[in-house]
Amino acid sequence: GYCFYQGYATEIPNSVVTLSTCSGLRGLLQFENVSYGIEPLESSTTYEHVIYLIRDKKSDFSPITENNSTTQFADQSYKILVKSN
């Protein structure tokens, strides 16, 4: 099966989303003029991901968790929980 999504975020005008679920959740999210990257946290065994603001060669990191317990990424739905300090 396919493990890519290219489209938009529901109910967010002018959004662009490009994601791969082939080996974890990885991709780009753009909302109006703000872009974010998302990728798996290399050292995580519990599906944690990093989401970061993309701007002028700098990145602000904010860890997020994808709450999912299986390893077949292509057919999964993802819930992303944002953690704040």
PDB file of N, CA and C in Angstrom:
ATOM      1  N   GLY A   1       0.806  -1.190   0.000  1.00  0.00           N
ATOM      2  CA  GLY A   1       0.000   0.000   0.000  1.00  0.00           C
ATOM      3  C   GLY A   1       0.846   1.249   0.000  1.00  0.00           C
ATOM      4  N   TYR A   2       0.182   2.346  -0.174  1.00  0.00           N
ATOM      5  CA  TYR A   2       0.852   3.637  -0.185  1.00  0.00           C
ATOM      6  C   TYR A   2       0.968   4.163   1.229  1.00  0.00           C
ATOM      7  N   CYS A   3       2.034   4.871   1.496  1.00  0.00           N
ATOM      8  CA  CYS A   3       2.231   5.418   2.840  1.00  0.00           C
ATOM      9  C   CYS A   3       2.539   6.909   2.775  1.00  0.00           C
ATOM     10  N   PHE A   4       1.895   7.618   1.838  1.00  0.00           N
ATOM     11  CA  PHE A   4       2.102   9.050   1.686  1.00  0.00           C
ATOM     12  C   PHE A   4       0.760   9.772   1.669  1.00  0.00           C
ATOM     13  N   TYR A   5       0.768  11.019   2.175  1.00  0.00           N
ATOM     14  CA  TYR A   5      -0.413  11.874   2.076  1.00  0.00           C
ATOM     15  C   TYR A   5       0.055  13.231   1.590  1.00  0.00           C
ATOM     16  N   GLN A   6      -0.623  13.753   0.585  1.00  0.00           N
ATOM     17  CA  GLN A   6      -0.374  15.105   0.129  1.00  0.00           C
ATOM     18  C   GLN A   6      -1.728  15.751  -0.046  1.00  0.00           C
ATOM     19  N   GLY A   7      -1.937  16.861   0.651  1.00  0.00           N
ATOM     20  CA  GLY A   7      -3.232  17.514   0.583  1.00  0.00           C
ATOM     21  C   GLY A   7      -3.274  18.730   1.482  1.00  0.00           C
ATOM     22  N   TYR A   8      -4.305  18.786   2.325  1.00  0.00           N
ATOM     23  CA  TYR A   8      -4.500  19.944   3.189  1.00  0.00           C
ATOM     24  C   TYR A   8      -5.053  19.482   4.527  1.00  0.00           C
ATOM     25  N   ALA A   9      -5.027  20.401   5.500  1.00  0.00           N
ATOM     26  CA  ALA A   9      -5.598  20.133   6.815  1.00  0.00           C
ATOM     27  C   ALA A   9      -7.050  20.600   6.813  1.00  0.00           C
ATOM     28  N   THR A  10      -7.948  19.729   7.212  1.00  0.00           N
ATOM     29  CA  THR A  10      -9.368  20.038   7.223  1.00  0.00           C
ATOM     30  C   THR A  10      -9.639  21.274   8.068  1.00  0.00           C
ATOM     31  N   GLU A  11     -10.465  22.160   7.568  1.00  0.00           N
ATOM     32  CA  GLU A  11     -10.922  23.374   8.243  1.00  0.00           C
ATOM     33  C   GLU A  11      -9.823  24.392   8.497  1.00  0.00           C
ATOM     34  N   ILE A  12      -8.670  24.254   7.845  1.00  0.00           N
ATOM     35  CA  ILE A  12      -7.615  25.262   7.961  1.00  0.00           C
ATOM     36  C   ILE A  12      -7.360  25.816   6.564  1.00  0.00           C
ATOM     37  N   PRO A  13      -7.845  27.049   6.299  1.00  0.00           N
ATOM     38  CA  PRO A  13      -7.686  27.631   4.968  1.00  0.00           C
ATOM     39  C   PRO A  13      -6.212  27.791   4.601  1.00  0.00           C
ATOM     40  N   ASN A  14      -5.907  27.672   3.330  1.00  0.00           N
ATOM     41  CA  ASN A  14      -4.555  27.865   2.800  1.00  0.00           C
ATOM     42  C   ASN A  14      -3.513  26.943   3.426  1.00  0.00           C
ATOM     43  N   SER A  15      -3.905  25.752   3.820  1.00  0.00           N
ATOM     44  CA  SER A  15      -2.955  24.806   4.407  1.00  0.00           C
ATOM     45  C   SER A  15      -2.449  23.838   3.343  1.00  0.00           C
ATOM     46  N   VAL A  16      -1.233  23.342   3.557  1.00  0.00           N
ATOM     47  CA  VAL A  16      -0.627  22.329   2.699  1.00  0.00           C
ATOM     48  C   VAL A  16       0.012  21.299   3.618  1.00  0.00           C
ATOM     49  N   VAL A  17      -0.244  20.019   3.356  1.00  0.00           N
ATOM     50  CA  VAL A  17       0.305  18.943   4.177  1.00  0.00           C
ATOM     51  C   VAL A  17       0.930  17.901   3.256  1.00  0.00           C
ATOM     52  N   THR A  18       2.159  17.527   3.552  1.00  0.00           N
ATOM     53  CA  THR A  18       2.846  16.446   2.853  1.00  0.00           C
ATOM     54  C   THR A  18       3.453  15.549   3.914  1.00  0.00           C
ATOM     55  N   LEU A  19       2.947  14.315   4.034  1.00  0.00           N
ATOM     56  CA  LEU A  19       3.386  13.397   5.085  1.00  0.00           C
ATOM     57  C   LEU A  19       3.698  12.021   4.522  1.00  0.00           C
ATOM     58  N   SER A  20       4.649  11.360   5.165  1.00  0.00           N
ATOM     59  CA  SER A  20       4.960   9.966   4.883  1.00  0.00           C
ATOM     60  C   SER A  20       4.777   9.184   6.173  1.00  0.00           C
ATOM     61  N   THR A  21       4.170   8.009   6.066  1.00  0.00           N
ATOM     62  CA  THR A  21       4.020   7.126   7.228  1.00  0.00           C
ATOM     63  C   THR A  21       4.775   5.822   7.000  1.00  0.00           C
ATOM     64  N   CYS A  22       5.697   5.816   6.036  1.00  0.00           N
ATOM     65  CA  CYS A  22       6.425   4.586   5.688  1.00  0.00           C
ATOM     66  C   CYS A  22       7.252   4.057   6.853  1.00  0.00           C
ATOM     67  N   SER A  23       7.885   4.914   7.609  1.00  0.00           N
ATOM     68  CA  SER A  23       8.665   4.491   8.779  1.00  0.00           C
ATOM     69  C   SER A  23       8.577   5.580   9.834  1.00  0.00           C
ATOM     70  N   GLY A  24       7.407   5.712  10.413  1.00  0.00           N
ATOM     71  CA  GLY A  24       7.137   6.804  11.343  1.00  0.00           C
ATOM     72  C   GLY A  24       6.483   7.949  10.594  1.00  0.00           C
ATOM     73  N   LEU A  25       6.033   8.923  11.312  1.00  0.00           N
ATOM     74  CA  LEU A  25       5.370  10.081  10.728  1.00  0.00           C
ATOM     75  C   LEU A  25       6.432  11.126  10.411  1.00  0.00           C
ATOM     76  N   ARG A  26       6.518  11.539   9.134  1.00  0.00           N
ATOM     77  CA  ARG A  26       7.569  12.460   8.708  1.00  0.00           C
ATOM     78  C   ARG A  26       7.004  13.345   7.608  1.00  0.00           C
ATOM     79  N   GLY A  27       7.273  14.653   7.686  1.00  0.00           N
ATOM     80  CA  GLY A  27       6.815  15.505   6.608  1.00  0.00           C
ATOM     81  C   GLY A  27       6.778  16.972   6.948  1.00  0.00           C
ATOM     82  N   LEU A  28       5.987  17.710   6.150  1.00  0.00           N
ATOM     83  CA  LEU A  28       5.868  19.153   6.280  1.00  0.00           C
ATOM     84  C   LEU A  28       4.408  19.541   6.403  1.00  0.00           C
ATOM     85  N   LEU A  29       4.155  20.540   7.239  1.00  0.00           N
ATOM     86  CA  LEU A  29       2.823  21.103   7.430  1.00  0.00           C
ATOM     87  C   LEU A  29       2.945  22.606   7.235  1.00  0.00           C
ATOM     88  N   GLN A  30       2.111  23.186   6.384  1.00  0.00           N
ATOM     89  CA  GLN A  30       2.146  24.627   6.184  1.00  0.00           C
ATOM     90  C   GLN A  30       0.754  25.186   6.408  1.00  0.00           C
ATOM     91  N   PHE A  31       0.666  26.164   7.303  1.00  0.00           N
ATOM     92  CA  PHE A  31      -0.591  26.836   7.624  1.00  0.00           C
ATOM     93  C   PHE A  31      -0.385  28.323   7.375  1.00  0.00           C
ATOM     94  N   GLU A  32      -1.056  28.854   6.338  1.00  0.00           N
ATOM     95  CA  GLU A  32      -0.861  30.236   5.919  1.00  0.00           C
ATOM     96  C   GLU A  32       0.623  30.442   5.631  1.00  0.00           C
ATOM     97  N   ASN A  33       1.318  31.298   6.391  1.00  0.00           N
ATOM     98  CA  ASN A  33       2.738  31.569   6.150  1.00  0.00           C
ATOM     99  C   ASN A  33       3.654  30.881   7.145  1.00  0.00           C
ATOM    100  N   VAL A  34       3.164  29.912   7.902  1.00  0.00           N
ATOM    101  CA  VAL A  34       3.946  29.233   8.926  1.00  0.00           C
ATOM    102  C   VAL A  34       4.130  27.773   8.519  1.00  0.00           C
ATOM    103  N   SER A  35       5.373  27.304   8.548  1.00  0.00           N
ATOM    104  CA  SER A  35       5.668  25.919   8.165  1.00  0.00           C
ATOM    105  C   SER A  35       6.282  25.159   9.333  1.00  0.00           C
ATOM    106  N   TYR A  36       5.900  23.880   9.442  1.00  0.00           N
ATOM    107  CA  TYR A  36       6.421  23.003  10.483  1.00  0.00           C
ATOM    108  C   TYR A  36       6.937  21.724   9.841  1.00  0.00           C
ATOM    109  N   GLY A  37       7.954  21.151  10.450  1.00  0.00           N
ATOM    110  CA  GLY A  37       8.436  19.837  10.068  1.00  0.00           C
ATOM    111  C   GLY A  37       8.091  18.862  11.171  1.00  0.00           C
ATOM    112  N   ILE A  38       7.908  17.603  10.832  1.00  0.00           N
ATOM    113  CA  ILE A  38       7.663  16.557  11.821  1.00  0.00           C
ATOM    114  C   ILE A  38       8.474  15.336  11.412  1.00  0.00           C
ATOM    115  N   GLU A  39       9.107  14.697  12.407  1.00  0.00           N
ATOM    116  CA  GLU A  39       9.885  13.489  12.138  1.00  0.00           C
ATOM    117  C   GLU A  39       9.996  12.659  13.404  1.00  0.00           C
ATOM    118  N   PRO A  40      10.235  11.361  13.248  1.00  0.00           N
ATOM    119  CA  PRO A  40      10.353  10.489  14.416  1.00  0.00           C
ATOM    120  C   PRO A  40      11.572  10.863  15.258  1.00  0.00           C
ATOM    121  N   LEU A  41      11.435  10.747  16.558  1.00  0.00           N
ATOM    122  CA  LEU A  41      12.554  10.932  17.470  1.00  0.00           C
ATOM    123  C   LEU A  41      13.377   9.648  17.428  1.00  0.00           C
ATOM    124  N   GLU A  42      14.598   9.731  16.951  1.00  0.00           N
ATOM    125  CA  GLU A  42      15.424   8.547  16.684  1.00  0.00           C
ATOM    126  C   GLU A  42      15.556   7.615  17.886  1.00  0.00           C
ATOM    127  N   SER A  43      15.678   8.161  19.080  1.00  0.00           N
ATOM    128  CA  SER A  43      15.935   7.339  20.267  1.00  0.00           C
ATOM    129  C   SER A  43      14.665   6.808  20.928  1.00  0.00           C
ATOM    130  N   SER A  44      13.497   7.126  20.401  1.00  0.00           N
ATOM    131  CA  SER A  44      12.234   6.757  21.039  1.00  0.00           C
ATOM    132  C   SER A  44      11.783   5.352  20.649  1.00  0.00           C
ATOM    133  N   THR A  45      11.276   4.623  21.628  1.00  0.00           N
ATOM    134  CA  THR A  45      10.662   3.320  21.368  1.00  0.00           C
ATOM    135  C   THR A  45       9.150   3.391  21.534  1.00  0.00           C
ATOM    136  N   THR A  46       8.614   4.594  21.810  1.00  0.00           N
ATOM    137  CA  THR A  46       7.178   4.761  22.068  1.00  0.00           C
ATOM    138  C   THR A  46       6.528   5.741  21.095  1.00  0.00           C
ATOM    139  N   TYR A  47       7.018   5.778  19.857  1.00  0.00           N
ATOM    140  CA  TYR A  47       6.417   6.589  18.794  1.00  0.00           C
ATOM    141  C   TYR A  47       6.428   8.083  19.080  1.00  0.00           C
ATOM    142  N   GLU A  48       7.430   8.589  19.786  1.00  0.00           N
ATOM    143  CA  GLU A  48       7.543  10.028  19.990  1.00  0.00           C
ATOM    144  C   GLU A  48       8.102  10.667  18.722  1.00  0.00           C
ATOM    145  N   HIS A  49       7.637  11.859  18.450  1.00  0.00           N
ATOM    146  CA  HIS A  49       8.066  12.604  17.279  1.00  0.00           C
ATOM    147  C   HIS A  49       8.487  14.007  17.690  1.00  0.00           C
ATOM    148  N   VAL A  50       9.245  14.658  16.835  1.00  0.00           N
ATOM    149  CA  VAL A  50       9.644  16.042  17.025  1.00  0.00           C
ATOM    150  C   VAL A  50       8.903  16.868  15.989  1.00  0.00           C
ATOM    151  N   ILE A  51       8.297  17.968  16.447  1.00  0.00           N
ATOM    152  CA  ILE A  51       7.693  18.923  15.523  1.00  0.00           C
ATOM    153  C   ILE A  51       8.403  20.247  15.744  1.00  0.00           C
ATOM    154  N   TYR A  52       8.741  20.912  14.643  1.00  0.00           N
ATOM    155  CA  TYR A  52       9.537  22.125  14.766  1.00  0.00           C
ATOM    156  C   TYR A  52       9.105  23.148  13.728  1.00  0.00           C
ATOM    157  N   LEU A  53       9.241  24.406  14.124  1.00  0.00           N
ATOM    158  CA  LEU A  53       8.935  25.530  13.259  1.00  0.00           C
ATOM    159  C   LEU A  53      10.071  25.687  12.262  1.00  0.00           C
ATOM    160  N   ILE A  54       9.746  25.820  10.993  1.00  0.00           N
ATOM    161  CA  ILE A  54      10.756  26.023   9.958  1.00  0.00           C
ATOM    162  C   ILE A  54      10.794  27.510   9.638  1.00  0.00           C
ATOM    163  N   ARG A  55      11.974  28.109   9.853  1.00  0.00           N
ATOM    164  CA  ARG A  55      12.128  29.530   9.544  1.00  0.00           C
ATOM    165  C   ARG A  55      13.602  29.857   9.348  1.00  0.00           C
ATOM    166  N   ASP A  56      13.943  30.492   8.310  1.00  0.00           N
ATOM    167  CA  ASP A  56      15.284  31.014   8.028  1.00  0.00           C
ATOM    168  C   ASP A  56      16.425  30.210   8.633  1.00  0.00           C
ATOM    169  N   LYS A  57      16.494  28.930   8.311  1.00  0.00           N
ATOM    170  CA  LYS A  57      17.583  28.047   8.732  1.00  0.00           C
ATOM    171  C   LYS A  57      17.667  27.840  10.242  1.00  0.00           C
ATOM    172  N   LYS A  58      16.631  28.206  10.994  1.00  0.00           N
ATOM    173  CA  LYS A  58      16.595  27.948  12.430  1.00  0.00           C
ATOM    174  C   LYS A  58      15.384  27.084  12.715  1.00  0.00           C
ATOM    175  N   SER A  59      15.447  26.286  13.768  1.00  0.00           N
ATOM    176  CA  SER A  59      14.326  25.430  14.137  1.00  0.00           C
ATOM    177  C   SER A  59      14.075  25.518  15.628  1.00  0.00           C
ATOM    178  N   ASP A  60      12.820  25.691  16.005  1.00  0.00           N
ATOM    179  CA  ASP A  60      12.419  25.621  17.401  1.00  0.00           C
ATOM    180  C   ASP A  60      11.801  24.260  17.615  1.00  0.00           C
ATOM    181  N   PHE A  61      12.348  23.452  18.515  1.00  0.00           N
ATOM    182  CA  PHE A  61      11.876  22.092  18.713  1.00  0.00           C
ATOM    183  C   PHE A  61      10.873  22.023  19.845  1.00  0.00           C
ATOM    184  N   SER A  62       9.834  21.243  19.643  1.00  0.00           N
ATOM    185  CA  SER A  62       8.820  20.986  20.652  1.00  0.00           C
ATOM    186  C   SER A  62       8.401  19.534  20.517  1.00  0.00           C
ATOM    187  N   PRO A  63       8.735  18.679  21.497  1.00  0.00           N
ATOM    188  CA  PRO A  63       8.419  17.258  21.349  1.00  0.00           C
ATOM    189  C   PRO A  63       6.922  16.997  21.358  1.00  0.00           C
ATOM    190  N   ILE A  64       6.486  16.067  20.514  1.00  0.00           N
ATOM    191  CA  ILE A  64       5.101  15.623  20.520  1.00  0.00           C
ATOM    192  C   ILE A  64       5.087  14.115  20.516  1.00  0.00           C
ATOM    193  N   THR A  65       3.959  13.553  20.872  1.00  0.00           N
ATOM    194  CA  THR A  65       3.839  12.106  20.910  1.00  0.00           C
ATOM    195  C   THR A  65       2.733  11.666  19.987  1.00  0.00           C
ATOM    196  N   GLU A  66       2.997  10.638  19.219  1.00  0.00           N
ATOM    197  CA  GLU A  66       1.989  10.015  18.382  1.00  0.00           C
ATOM    198  C   GLU A  66       1.533   8.794  19.162  1.00  0.00           C
ATOM    199  N   ASN A  67       0.265   8.719  19.462  1.00  0.00           N
ATOM    200  CA  ASN A  67      -0.271   7.683  20.338  1.00  0.00           C
ATOM    201  C   ASN A  67      -0.756   6.517  19.490  1.00  0.00           C
ATOM    202  N   ASN A  68       0.105   5.534  19.276  1.00  0.00           N
ATOM    203  CA  ASN A  68      -0.250   4.402  18.434  1.00  0.00           C
ATOM    204  C   ASN A  68       0.573   3.203  18.863  1.00  0.00           C
ATOM    205  N   SER A  69      -0.015   2.004  18.854  1.00  0.00           N
ATOM    206  CA  SER A  69       0.682   0.860  19.423  1.00  0.00           C
ATOM    207  C   SER A  69       1.054  -0.230  18.422  1.00  0.00           C
ATOM    208  N   THR A  70       0.754  -0.050  17.140  1.00  0.00           N
ATOM    209  CA  THR A  70       1.104  -1.082  16.175  1.00  0.00           C
ATOM    210  C   THR A  70       2.268  -0.628  15.310  1.00  0.00           C
ATOM    211  N   THR A  71       2.806  -1.539  14.530  1.00  0.00           N
ATOM    212  CA  THR A  71       3.958  -1.185  13.705  1.00  0.00           C
ATOM    213  C   THR A  71       3.635  -1.131  12.218  1.00  0.00           C
ATOM    214  N   GLN A  72       2.406  -1.329  11.818  1.00  0.00           N
ATOM    215  CA  GLN A  72       2.023  -1.234  10.412  1.00  0.00           C
ATOM    216  C   GLN A  72       1.596   0.198  10.121  1.00  0.00           C
ATOM    217  N   PHE A  73       2.554   1.067   9.807  1.00  0.00           N
ATOM    218  CA  PHE A  73       2.302   2.494   9.678  1.00  0.00           C
ATOM    219  C   PHE A  73       1.360   2.858   8.539  1.00  0.00           C
ATOM    220  N   ALA A  74       1.348   2.131   7.448  1.00  0.00           N
ATOM    221  CA  ALA A  74       0.606   2.543   6.263  1.00  0.00           C
ATOM    222  C   ALA A  74      -0.896   2.616   6.481  1.00  0.00           C
ATOM    223  N   ASP A  75      -1.456   1.781   7.350  1.00  0.00           N
ATOM    224  CA  ASP A  75      -2.900   1.759   7.537  1.00  0.00           C
ATOM    225  C   ASP A  75      -3.338   2.349   8.875  1.00  0.00           C
ATOM    226  N   GLN A  76      -2.512   3.160   9.501  1.00  0.00           N
ATOM    227  CA  GLN A  76      -2.827   3.678  10.826  1.00  0.00           C
ATOM    228  C   GLN A  76      -3.388   5.083  10.768  1.00  0.00           C
ATOM    229  N   SER A  77      -4.156   5.408  11.796  1.00  0.00           N
ATOM    230  CA  SER A  77      -4.556   6.779  12.056  1.00  0.00           C
ATOM    231  C   SER A  77      -3.654   7.288  13.162  1.00  0.00           C
ATOM    232  N   TYR A  78      -3.352   8.557  13.136  1.00  0.00           N
ATOM    233  CA  TYR A  78      -2.441   9.123  14.119  1.00  0.00           C
ATOM    234  C   TYR A  78      -3.160  10.135  14.987  1.00  0.00           C
ATOM    235  N   LYS A  79      -2.895  10.065  16.276  1.00  0.00           N
ATOM    236  CA  LYS A  79      -3.313  11.102  17.208  1.00  0.00           C
ATOM    237  C   LYS A  79      -2.034  11.762  17.684  1.00  0.00           C
ATOM    238  N   ILE A  80      -1.937  13.052  17.535  1.00  0.00           N
ATOM    239  CA  ILE A  80      -0.733  13.758  17.938  1.00  0.00           C
ATOM    240  C   ILE A  80      -1.077  14.602  19.154  1.00  0.00           C
ATOM    241  N   LEU A  81      -0.375  14.347  20.230  1.00  0.00           N
ATOM    242  CA  LEU A  81      -0.596  15.047  21.481  1.00  0.00           C
ATOM    243  C   LEU A  81       0.558  16.005  21.705  1.00  0.00           C
ATOM    244  N   VAL A  82       0.268  17.286  21.799  1.00  0.00           N
ATOM    245  CA  VAL A  82       1.313  18.280  22.000  1.00  0.00           C
ATOM    246  C   VAL A  82       1.593  18.390  23.484  1.00  0.00           C
ATOM    247  N   LYS A  83       2.870  18.253  23.852  1.00  0.00           N
ATOM    248  CA  LYS A  83       3.284  18.400  25.243  1.00  0.00           C
ATOM    249  C   LYS A  83       3.829  19.802  25.439  1.00  0.00           C
ATOM    250  N   SER A  84       3.477  20.423  26.530  1.00  0.00           N
ATOM    251  CA  SER A  84       4.048  21.731  26.845  1.00  0.00           C
ATOM    252  C   SER A  84       4.641  21.681  28.246  1.00  0.00           C
ATOM    253  N   ASN A  85       5.648  22.493  28.481  1.00  0.00           N
ATOM    254  CA  ASN A  85       6.322  22.507  29.790  1.00  0.00           C
ATOM    255  C   ASN A  85       5.583  23.354  30.788  1.00  0.00           C
TER     256      ASN A  85
END
